[in-house]
Amino acid sequence: LTVTDVPATQNFLETYFGLTCRSSKGKGFAVMLDNDDFVLTLMMGNEVHYPKSFHIGFSQKNEEEVNKINQRLKEGGFNVEPPKQL
């Protein structure tokens, strides 16, 4: 996943989605893991363009967990919409 700020994205994923950094190289590269051994690699890029439909999701056990994450994001200063079930 190419991002403009690897340390900030790493911090966001650790804080709100429980991922941990397995390894990193300076401020431009990080390998993130979750409890199910999902691997997400962060790489620094200056001109990042994803399609409008681009989405990454992290499965949760139930609706309550989704609501807890949404609330923590709000408390962290993020302007997030209420969760929607599709």
C-alpha atoms as a PDB file:
ATOM      1  CA  LEU A   1       0.000   0.000   0.000  1.00  0.00           C
ATOM      2  CA  THR A   2       1.612   3.259  -1.070  1.00  0.00           C
ATOM      3  CA  VAL A   3       1.052   6.157   1.340  1.00  0.00           C
ATOM      4  CA  THR A   4       2.476   9.652   1.687  1.00  0.00           C
ATOM      5  CA  ASP A   5       3.395   9.217   5.379  1.00  0.00           C
ATOM      6  CA  VAL A   6       4.411   5.717   6.462  1.00  0.00           C
ATOM      7  CA  PRO A   7       4.931   6.480  10.203  1.00  0.00           C
ATOM      8  CA  ALA A   8       1.530   8.215  10.477  1.00  0.00           C
ATOM      9  CA  THR A   9      -0.218   5.370   8.653  1.00  0.00           C
ATOM     10  CA  GLN A  10       1.602   2.811  10.794  1.00  0.00           C
ATOM     11  CA  ASN A  11       0.496   4.632  13.945  1.00  0.00           C
ATOM     12  CA  PHE A  12      -3.105   4.821  12.674  1.00  0.00           C
ATOM     13  CA  LEU A  13      -3.232   1.093  11.921  1.00  0.00           C
ATOM     14  CA  GLU A  14      -1.674   0.205  15.275  1.00  0.00           C
ATOM     15  CA  THR A  15      -3.976   2.510  17.237  1.00  0.00           C
ATOM     16  CA  TYR A  16      -7.317   1.781  15.607  1.00  0.00           C
ATOM     17  CA  PHE A  17      -7.008  -1.663  14.010  1.00  0.00           C
ATOM     18  CA  GLY A  18      -4.536  -3.506  16.235  1.00  0.00           C
ATOM     19  CA  LEU A  19      -1.895  -4.153  13.583  1.00  0.00           C
ATOM     20  CA  THR A  20       1.721  -4.344  14.686  1.00  0.00           C
ATOM     21  CA  CYS A  21       4.869  -3.410  12.835  1.00  0.00           C
ATOM     22  CA  ARG A  22       7.000  -6.471  12.180  1.00  0.00           C
ATOM     23  CA  SER A  23       9.810  -4.564  10.500  1.00  0.00           C
ATOM     24  CA  SER A  24      10.541  -1.202   8.966  1.00  0.00           C
ATOM     25  CA  LYS A  25      13.225   0.596   7.037  1.00  0.00           C
ATOM     26  CA  GLY A  26      13.507   4.241   7.960  1.00  0.00           C
ATOM     27  CA  LYS A  27      10.403   6.318   7.365  1.00  0.00           C
ATOM     28  CA  GLY A  28       9.663   4.845   3.949  1.00  0.00           C
ATOM     29  CA  PHE A  29       8.729   1.210   4.507  1.00  0.00           C
ATOM     30  CA  ALA A  30       6.893  -0.873   7.122  1.00  0.00           C
ATOM     31  CA  VAL A  31       5.530  -4.401   7.280  1.00  0.00           C
ATOM     32  CA  MET A  32       2.350  -4.581   9.336  1.00  0.00           C
ATOM     33  CA  LEU A  33       0.706  -7.761  10.693  1.00  0.00           C
ATOM     34  CA  ASP A  34      -2.583  -8.497  12.400  1.00  0.00           C
ATOM     35  CA  ASN A  35      -3.461 -11.385  14.742  1.00  0.00           C
ATOM     36  CA  ASP A  36      -4.470 -13.574  11.777  1.00  0.00           C
ATOM     37  CA  ASP A  37      -1.064 -13.118  10.070  1.00  0.00           C
ATOM     38  CA  PHE A  38      -2.508 -10.740   7.466  1.00  0.00           C
ATOM     39  CA  VAL A  39       0.432  -8.796   6.025  1.00  0.00           C
ATOM     40  CA  LEU A  40       0.088  -5.187   4.901  1.00  0.00           C
ATOM     41  CA  THR A  41       3.202  -3.528   3.507  1.00  0.00           C
ATOM     42  CA  LEU A  42       3.382   0.271   3.633  1.00  0.00           C
ATOM     43  CA  MET A  43       5.614   2.084   1.151  1.00  0.00           C
ATOM     44  CA  MET A  44       6.219   5.808   0.859  1.00  0.00           C
ATOM     45  CA  GLY A  45       5.177   7.570  -2.319  1.00  0.00           C
ATOM     46  CA  ASN A  46       4.673  11.250  -3.109  1.00  0.00           C
ATOM     47  CA  GLU A  47       1.985  10.962  -5.761  1.00  0.00           C
ATOM     48  CA  VAL A  48      -0.496   8.401  -4.533  1.00  0.00           C
ATOM     49  CA  HIS A  49      -3.612   7.941  -6.667  1.00  0.00           C
ATOM     50  CA  TYR A  50      -6.139   5.221  -5.921  1.00  0.00           C
ATOM     51  CA  PRO A  51      -9.457   4.701  -7.717  1.00  0.00           C
ATOM     52  CA  LYS A  52     -12.444   6.257  -5.945  1.00  0.00           C
ATOM     53  CA  SER A  53     -13.774   2.759  -5.291  1.00  0.00           C
ATOM     54  CA  PHE A  54     -10.543   1.630  -3.550  1.00  0.00           C
ATOM     55  CA  HIS A  55     -11.238   0.145  -0.129  1.00  0.00           C
ATOM     56  CA  ILE A  56      -9.435  -1.871   2.529  1.00  0.00           C
ATOM     57  CA  GLY A  57     -11.503  -3.522   5.243  1.00  0.00           C
ATOM     58  CA  PHE A  58     -10.593  -5.289   8.453  1.00  0.00           C
ATOM     59  CA  SER A  59     -13.122  -7.951   9.456  1.00  0.00           C
ATOM     60  CA  GLN A  60     -14.505  -7.657  12.957  1.00  0.00           C
ATOM     61  CA  LYS A  61     -16.158 -10.262  15.182  1.00  0.00           C
ATOM     62  CA  ASN A  62     -19.472  -8.447  15.405  1.00  0.00           C
ATOM     63  CA  GLU A  63     -21.318  -5.157  14.974  1.00  0.00           C
ATOM     64  CA  GLU A  64     -20.363  -4.060  18.487  1.00  0.00           C
ATOM     65  CA  GLU A  65     -16.645  -4.171  17.587  1.00  0.00           C
ATOM     66  CA  VAL A  66     -17.308  -2.108  14.469  1.00  0.00           C
ATOM     67  CA  ASN A  67     -19.132   0.496  16.566  1.00  0.00           C
ATOM     68  CA  LYS A  68     -16.279   0.587  19.107  1.00  0.00           C
ATOM     69  CA  ILE A  69     -13.719   1.280  16.378  1.00  0.00           C
ATOM     70  CA  ASN A  70     -15.968   3.954  14.891  1.00  0.00           C
ATOM     71  CA  GLN A  71     -16.277   5.624  18.301  1.00  0.00           C
ATOM     72  CA  ARG A  72     -12.509   5.490  18.912  1.00  0.00           C
ATOM     73  CA  LEU A  73     -11.928   7.099  15.511  1.00  0.00           C
ATOM     74  CA  LYS A  74     -14.364   9.910  16.424  1.00  0.00           C
ATOM     75  CA  GLU A  75     -12.654  10.388  19.786  1.00  0.00           C
ATOM     76  CA  GLY A  76      -9.323  10.499  17.944  1.00  0.00           C
ATOM     77  CA  GLY A  77     -10.535  13.482  15.916  1.00  0.00           C
ATOM     78  CA  PHE A  78     -11.470  11.709  12.688  1.00  0.00           C
ATOM     79  CA  ASN A  79     -14.613  12.801  10.891  1.00  0.00           C
ATOM     80  CA  VAL A  80     -16.135   9.371  10.250  1.00  0.00           C
ATOM     81  CA  GLU A  81     -19.645   8.444   9.212  1.00  0.00           C
ATOM     82  CA  PRO A  82     -21.670   5.951  11.236  1.00  0.00           C
ATOM     83  CA  PRO A  83     -21.057   2.355  10.120  1.00  0.00           C
ATOM     84  CA  LYS A  84     -23.395   0.952   7.479  1.00  0.00           C
ATOM     85  CA  GLN A  85     -24.183  -2.675   6.903  1.00  0.00           C
ATOM     86  CA  LEU A  86     -24.278  -3.532   3.231  1.00  0.00           C
END
